[in-house]
Amino acid sequence: MSPPVSRSTPAIEITDPGDPRIAEFTGIRERDLTGRHGQFIAEGTVVISMLAKAHRAGGPVRAEKLLILKNRQAGLDDIVAQFPDEVPLYVAEGPVLDQIAGFHLHRGVLALGSRRAPPDALDLIGALPETSLVLVACGISNHDNVGSLFRNAAGFRADAVLLDETCCDPLYRKALRVSVGAVLTTPYARGGAPDALLSSLADQGFEIWALSPAGTVEIGEVKPGRRVALVMGTEGEGLPADILNRFNTARIAQAPELDSLNVGTASGIALHAIARGMGRLG
């Protein structure tokens, strides 16, 4: 890990909630910057530390500005120092910060970031290593669930996440927060129909395992090969019948009176089983 960058520029105090220099942070509860030139809002020390890491790596994710609670400034010196001087630091008193954000910001730390457009799914699949584990999401529109998928993908060393065209953007503030910043460091692509994504993976030699309560094999019994794609569908409806009929299916053993597991929980269990079978976990 690179050492923190020493900052020499002073913080800029904001006293007017309408100051145009921090306009992107205004009313963040009611709106989201996603889709506007790839900008997003990060909040909390863990996520912002991940943003600093991604910025230093020089990849597609960049930090644009920081906004923190004035009385937390000293305690956040280590995190702030990870950002170069080109990223301005704004501070505000609690009442002003709350007016800017539109709610009481108890974490007291925000950042504006930007990300270049994710790669095309075909390009991402083509760049994956010979031994790969991929998580595929179909129809996941809940921000919390998308964030959980990325957190689990990072936790169990998946190489990429593929989101179909109906999934929500993982850079939404809530999805990013739930992922604890994993969205910023996990390769992903978003777009395309599920059958097209899965066909592309199959063409590249991936074993495709679709998760369903009616799956034919218990996930712990799967003997994964060198390239595996795990496919997750929505809670309730699950994956379309054509996907379940076309590819391998796996289930997670659970109490019979329960209809299904939350997709975040299910993806964590499935990823752990496959990653362990591929020798990815200690």
Protein backbone atom coordinates (compact mmCIF):
# COMPACT_ATOMS: atom_id res chain seq x y z
CA MET A 1 0.00 0.00 0.00
CA SER A 2 1.29 3.45 -0.94
CA PRO A 3 2.16 5.79 1.94
CA PRO A 4 -0.20 8.69 2.62
CA VAL A 5 0.39 11.79 0.56
CA SER A 6 1.34 14.85 2.60
CA ARG A 7 -1.08 17.74 2.08
CA SER A 8 0.08 21.33 2.30
CA THR A 9 -3.06 23.23 1.32
CA PRO A 10 -5.34 24.40 4.16
CA ALA A 11 -8.98 23.44 4.53
CA ILE A 12 -11.58 25.87 3.14
CA GLU A 13 -14.38 26.70 5.56
CA ILE A 14 -17.93 26.79 4.22
CA THR A 15 -20.36 29.03 6.13
CA ASP A 16 -23.14 29.32 3.54
CA PRO A 17 -25.07 26.09 2.68
CA GLY A 18 -25.67 27.58 -0.76
CA ASP A 19 -21.98 27.98 -1.56
CA PRO A 20 -21.57 26.81 -5.18
CA ARG A 21 -18.25 25.16 -4.40
CA ILE A 22 -20.06 22.37 -2.55
CA ALA A 23 -23.22 22.30 -4.69
CA GLU A 24 -22.83 18.57 -5.48
CA PHE A 25 -23.36 17.73 -1.81
CA THR A 26 -26.65 19.63 -1.53
CA GLY A 27 -29.71 17.56 -0.62
CA ILE A 28 -28.01 14.21 -1.03
CA ARG A 29 -30.84 12.35 0.73
CA GLU A 30 -33.30 13.35 -1.98
CA ARG A 31 -31.10 12.99 -5.02
CA ASP A 32 -28.20 11.04 -6.34
CA LEU A 33 -25.44 12.15 -8.67
CA THR A 34 -25.19 8.79 -10.39
CA GLY A 35 -25.55 9.18 -14.13
CA ARG A 36 -24.27 12.75 -14.11
CA HIS A 37 -20.83 12.47 -15.68
CA GLY A 38 -20.08 9.45 -13.51
CA GLN A 39 -20.05 11.42 -10.28
CA PHE A 40 -21.02 9.83 -6.96
CA ILE A 41 -21.19 10.66 -3.26
CA ALA A 42 -19.13 8.63 -0.77
CA GLU A 43 -19.76 8.84 2.96
CA GLY A 44 -18.13 7.47 6.08
CA THR A 45 -14.48 6.90 6.90
CA VAL A 46 -14.26 3.35 5.53
CA VAL A 47 -15.71 4.19 2.12
CA ILE A 48 -13.67 7.37 1.84
CA SER A 49 -10.50 5.47 2.69
CA MET A 50 -11.36 3.12 -0.18
CA LEU A 51 -11.86 6.15 -2.43
CA ALA A 52 -8.40 7.40 -1.45
CA LYS A 53 -6.93 3.99 -2.28
CA ALA A 54 -8.66 3.93 -5.65
CA HIS A 55 -7.52 7.49 -6.41
CA ARG A 56 -3.90 6.69 -5.59
CA ALA A 57 -4.03 3.59 -7.80
CA GLY A 58 -4.62 5.85 -10.78
CA GLY A 59 -7.45 3.73 -12.20
CA PRO A 60 -10.94 4.72 -13.33
CA VAL A 61 -12.01 6.14 -9.95
CA ARG A 62 -11.00 9.64 -8.87
CA ALA A 63 -11.72 11.85 -5.87
CA GLU A 64 -12.87 15.39 -6.67
CA LYS A 65 -13.48 17.07 -3.31
CA LEU A 66 -13.95 16.38 0.41
CA LEU A 67 -16.47 17.90 2.84
CA ILE A 68 -16.15 17.15 6.55
CA LEU A 69 -17.47 18.32 9.90
CA LYS A 70 -15.15 20.99 11.23
CA ASN A 71 -14.80 19.52 14.72
CA ARG A 72 -13.82 16.16 13.21
CA GLN A 73 -11.04 17.58 11.07
CA ALA A 74 -8.20 16.79 13.46
CA GLY A 75 -9.39 13.22 13.96
CA LEU A 76 -9.55 12.66 10.21
CA ASP A 77 -6.06 13.92 9.42
CA ASP A 78 -4.78 10.44 8.55
CA ILE A 79 -7.58 9.89 6.01
CA VAL A 80 -7.42 13.39 4.54
CA ALA A 81 -3.65 13.07 4.13
CA GLN A 82 -4.20 10.17 1.74
CA PHE A 83 -5.62 12.60 -0.82
CA PRO A 84 -3.27 14.87 -2.80
CA ASP A 85 -3.50 18.64 -2.65
CA GLU A 86 -5.40 18.75 -5.94
CA VAL A 87 -8.45 17.37 -4.09
CA PRO A 88 -9.86 20.36 -2.15
CA LEU A 89 -10.91 19.92 1.46
CA TYR A 90 -13.97 21.84 2.68
CA VAL A 91 -15.06 21.98 6.32
CA ALA A 92 -18.30 23.21 7.88
CA GLU A 93 -19.87 23.47 11.31
CA GLY A 94 -22.55 20.92 12.16
CA PRO A 95 -25.65 23.06 11.46
CA VAL A 96 -24.26 24.18 8.10
CA LEU A 97 -23.26 20.65 7.10
CA ASP A 98 -26.71 19.34 8.01
CA GLN A 99 -28.34 22.03 5.86
CA ILE A 100 -26.09 21.12 2.96
CA ALA A 101 -26.77 17.38 3.18
CA GLY A 102 -30.45 17.73 4.04
CA PHE A 103 -30.25 15.57 7.16
CA HIS A 104 -28.14 15.16 10.30
CA LEU A 105 -24.84 13.81 9.07
CA HIS A 106 -23.57 12.00 12.16
CA ARG A 107 -20.61 10.47 10.30
CA GLY A 108 -19.46 13.95 9.44
CA VAL A 109 -17.46 13.05 6.35
CA LEU A 110 -18.40 13.14 2.67
CA ALA A 111 -16.53 13.00 -0.60
CA LEU A 112 -17.39 13.62 -4.22
CA GLY A 113 -15.87 11.13 -6.60
CA SER A 114 -16.07 10.31 -10.28
CA ARG A 115 -15.64 7.17 -12.29
CA ARG A 116 -15.02 6.64 -15.95
CA ALA A 117 -17.71 4.60 -17.63
CA PRO A 118 -17.37 0.90 -16.75
CA PRO A 119 -15.98 -1.31 -19.53
CA ASP A 120 -18.20 -3.19 -21.90
CA ALA A 121 -19.08 -6.60 -20.48
CA LEU A 122 -17.43 -8.41 -23.39
CA ASP A 123 -14.21 -6.48 -22.85
CA LEU A 124 -14.23 -7.22 -19.13
CA ILE A 125 -14.90 -10.92 -19.67
CA GLY A 126 -12.14 -11.08 -22.28
CA ALA A 127 -9.64 -9.55 -19.84
CA LEU A 128 -10.32 -11.98 -16.99
CA PRO A 129 -7.54 -14.35 -15.90
CA GLU A 130 -7.54 -18.02 -16.83
CA THR A 131 -8.71 -18.91 -13.33
CA SER A 132 -11.68 -16.69 -12.55
CA LEU A 133 -14.71 -16.36 -10.31
CA VAL A 134 -17.45 -14.01 -11.49
CA LEU A 135 -20.69 -12.95 -9.81
CA VAL A 136 -23.58 -12.21 -12.17
CA ALA A 137 -26.64 -10.26 -11.00
CA CYS A 138 -29.94 -10.32 -12.87
CA GLY A 139 -32.73 -7.88 -12.04
CA ILE A 140 -31.30 -6.65 -8.73
CA SER A 141 -32.80 -3.17 -8.37
CA ASN A 142 -32.52 -2.80 -4.58
CA HIS A 143 -29.56 -0.61 -3.63
CA ASP A 144 -28.84 -2.48 -0.40
CA ASN A 145 -28.74 -5.81 -2.21
CA VAL A 146 -26.41 -4.53 -4.93
CA GLY A 147 -24.10 -3.16 -2.25
CA SER A 148 -24.13 -6.52 -0.48
CA LEU A 149 -23.27 -8.34 -3.70
CA PHE A 150 -20.17 -6.20 -4.15
CA ARG A 151 -19.14 -6.56 -0.51
CA ASN A 152 -19.39 -10.33 -0.79
CA ALA A 153 -17.60 -10.38 -4.15
CA ALA A 154 -14.68 -8.51 -2.62
CA GLY A 155 -14.73 -10.57 0.57
CA PHE A 156 -14.54 -13.87 -1.30
CA ARG A 157 -12.12 -12.70 -3.98
CA ALA A 158 -14.35 -12.69 -7.02
CA ASP A 159 -12.60 -11.27 -10.07
CA ALA A 160 -15.57 -9.28 -11.37
CA VAL A 161 -19.26 -8.50 -11.00
CA LEU A 162 -21.52 -8.42 -14.04
CA LEU A 163 -24.84 -6.57 -13.74
CA ASP A 164 -27.55 -6.94 -16.35
CA GLU A 165 -29.37 -3.94 -17.81
CA THR A 166 -32.13 -4.06 -15.19
CA CYS A 167 -29.84 -3.83 -12.15
CA CYS A 168 -29.47 -0.50 -10.37
CA ASP A 169 -26.26 1.50 -10.63
CA PRO A 170 -23.80 0.37 -7.91
CA LEU A 171 -22.56 3.95 -7.53
CA TYR A 172 -25.80 5.03 -5.88
CA ARG A 173 -24.89 6.44 -2.48
CA LYS A 174 -26.66 3.71 -0.52
CA ALA A 175 -25.28 0.85 -2.62
CA LEU A 176 -21.79 2.28 -2.30
CA ARG A 177 -22.15 2.64 1.46
CA VAL A 178 -23.48 -0.91 1.95
CA SER A 179 -20.60 -2.26 -0.14
CA VAL A 180 -18.17 -0.53 2.28
CA GLY A 181 -16.41 0.85 -0.76
CA ALA A 182 -15.99 -2.46 -2.62
CA VAL A 183 -17.75 -0.92 -5.64
CA LEU A 184 -14.72 1.34 -6.04
CA THR A 185 -12.17 -1.47 -6.23
CA THR A 186 -14.07 -4.42 -7.76
CA PRO A 187 -14.07 -4.63 -11.58
CA TYR A 188 -17.60 -4.57 -12.95
CA ALA A 189 -19.69 -4.02 -16.05
CA ARG A 190 -23.36 -3.10 -16.27
CA GLY A 191 -25.72 -3.58 -19.18
CA GLY A 192 -27.04 -6.14 -21.60
CA ALA A 193 -29.60 -8.90 -21.32
CA PRO A 194 -28.91 -11.81 -18.93
CA ASP A 195 -28.87 -14.45 -21.68
CA ALA A 196 -26.31 -12.44 -23.66
CA LEU A 197 -24.04 -12.03 -20.62
CA LEU A 198 -24.22 -15.71 -19.78
CA SER A 199 -23.67 -16.77 -23.39
CA SER A 200 -20.53 -14.64 -23.48
CA LEU A 201 -19.27 -16.27 -20.29
CA ALA A 202 -20.05 -19.75 -21.62
CA ASP A 203 -18.17 -18.95 -24.83
CA GLN A 204 -15.13 -18.08 -22.69
CA GLY A 205 -15.18 -21.43 -20.92
CA PHE A 206 -17.04 -20.50 -17.73
CA GLU A 207 -19.07 -23.04 -15.81
CA ILE A 208 -22.33 -21.26 -15.05
CA TRP A 209 -24.17 -22.03 -11.84
CA ALA A 210 -27.56 -20.41 -11.40
CA LEU A 211 -28.77 -20.15 -7.78
CA SER A 212 -32.33 -21.25 -7.07
CA PRO A 213 -34.19 -22.89 -4.14
CA ALA A 214 -35.06 -25.60 -6.66
CA GLY A 215 -31.46 -26.11 -7.81
CA THR A 216 -30.39 -29.67 -8.59
CA VAL A 217 -27.11 -29.61 -6.59
CA GLU A 218 -26.44 -28.31 -3.09
CA ILE A 219 -23.91 -25.50 -3.41
CA GLY A 220 -21.48 -27.14 -1.00
CA GLU A 221 -21.29 -30.19 -3.27
CA VAL A 222 -20.25 -28.28 -6.38
CA LYS A 223 -16.72 -29.12 -7.54
CA PRO A 224 -15.73 -25.93 -9.33
CA GLY A 225 -13.41 -25.83 -12.29
CA ARG A 226 -10.99 -23.05 -13.22
CA ARG A 227 -13.63 -20.58 -14.43
CA VAL A 228 -16.95 -20.23 -12.61
CA ALA A 229 -19.83 -17.76 -12.85
CA LEU A 230 -22.44 -17.62 -10.07
CA VAL A 231 -25.78 -16.17 -11.14
CA MET A 232 -28.12 -14.45 -8.69
CA GLY A 233 -31.71 -13.42 -9.38
CA THR A 234 -34.29 -11.36 -7.54
CA GLU A 235 -35.90 -12.44 -4.31
CA GLY A 236 -39.34 -13.92 -4.87
CA GLU A 237 -39.34 -14.35 -8.65
CA GLY A 238 -35.78 -15.64 -8.84
CA LEU A 239 -34.08 -16.31 -12.16
CA PRO A 240 -36.04 -16.77 -15.41
CA ALA A 241 -36.95 -20.33 -16.36
CA ASP A 242 -34.88 -20.20 -19.55
CA ILE A 243 -31.71 -19.57 -17.53
CA LEU A 244 -32.54 -22.32 -15.03
CA ASN A 245 -33.26 -24.76 -17.88
CA ARG A 246 -30.14 -23.90 -19.83
CA PHE A 247 -27.42 -23.86 -17.16
CA ASN A 248 -26.32 -25.75 -14.06
CA THR A 249 -28.45 -24.98 -11.03
CA ALA A 250 -27.49 -25.02 -7.35
CA ARG A 251 -29.44 -24.55 -4.16
CA ILE A 252 -28.57 -23.59 -0.59
CA ALA A 253 -29.94 -26.00 1.99
CA GLN A 254 -32.37 -24.19 4.29
CA ALA A 255 -35.46 -24.68 6.40
CA PRO A 256 -38.30 -25.94 4.15
CA GLU A 257 -40.81 -23.43 5.49
CA LEU A 258 -38.67 -20.52 4.27
CA ASP A 259 -39.31 -19.44 0.69
CA SER A 260 -35.84 -18.07 -0.06
CA LEU A 261 -32.84 -16.29 1.40
CA ASN A 262 -32.03 -12.63 0.95
CA VAL A 263 -29.89 -12.28 -2.18
CA GLY A 264 -27.07 -10.73 -0.15
CA THR A 265 -27.01 -13.68 2.23
CA ALA A 266 -27.35 -16.23 -0.56
CA SER A 267 -24.53 -14.70 -2.60
CA GLY A 268 -22.24 -14.73 0.43
CA ILE A 269 -22.89 -18.42 1.12
CA ALA A 270 -22.49 -19.39 -2.53
CA LEU A 271 -19.35 -17.33 -3.09
CA HIS A 272 -17.76 -18.77 0.05
CA ALA A 273 -18.46 -22.33 -1.09
CA ILE A 274 -17.13 -21.82 -4.61
CA ALA A 275 -14.14 -19.68 -3.58
CA ARG A 276 -13.16 -22.30 -1.02
CA GLY A 277 -13.51 -25.06 -3.63
CA MET A 278 -11.24 -23.07 -5.96
CA GLY A 279 -8.63 -22.70 -3.21
CA ARG A 280 -9.06 -18.94 -2.95
CA LEU A 281 -9.53 -18.79 0.80
CA GLY A 282 -6.98 -19.41 3.53
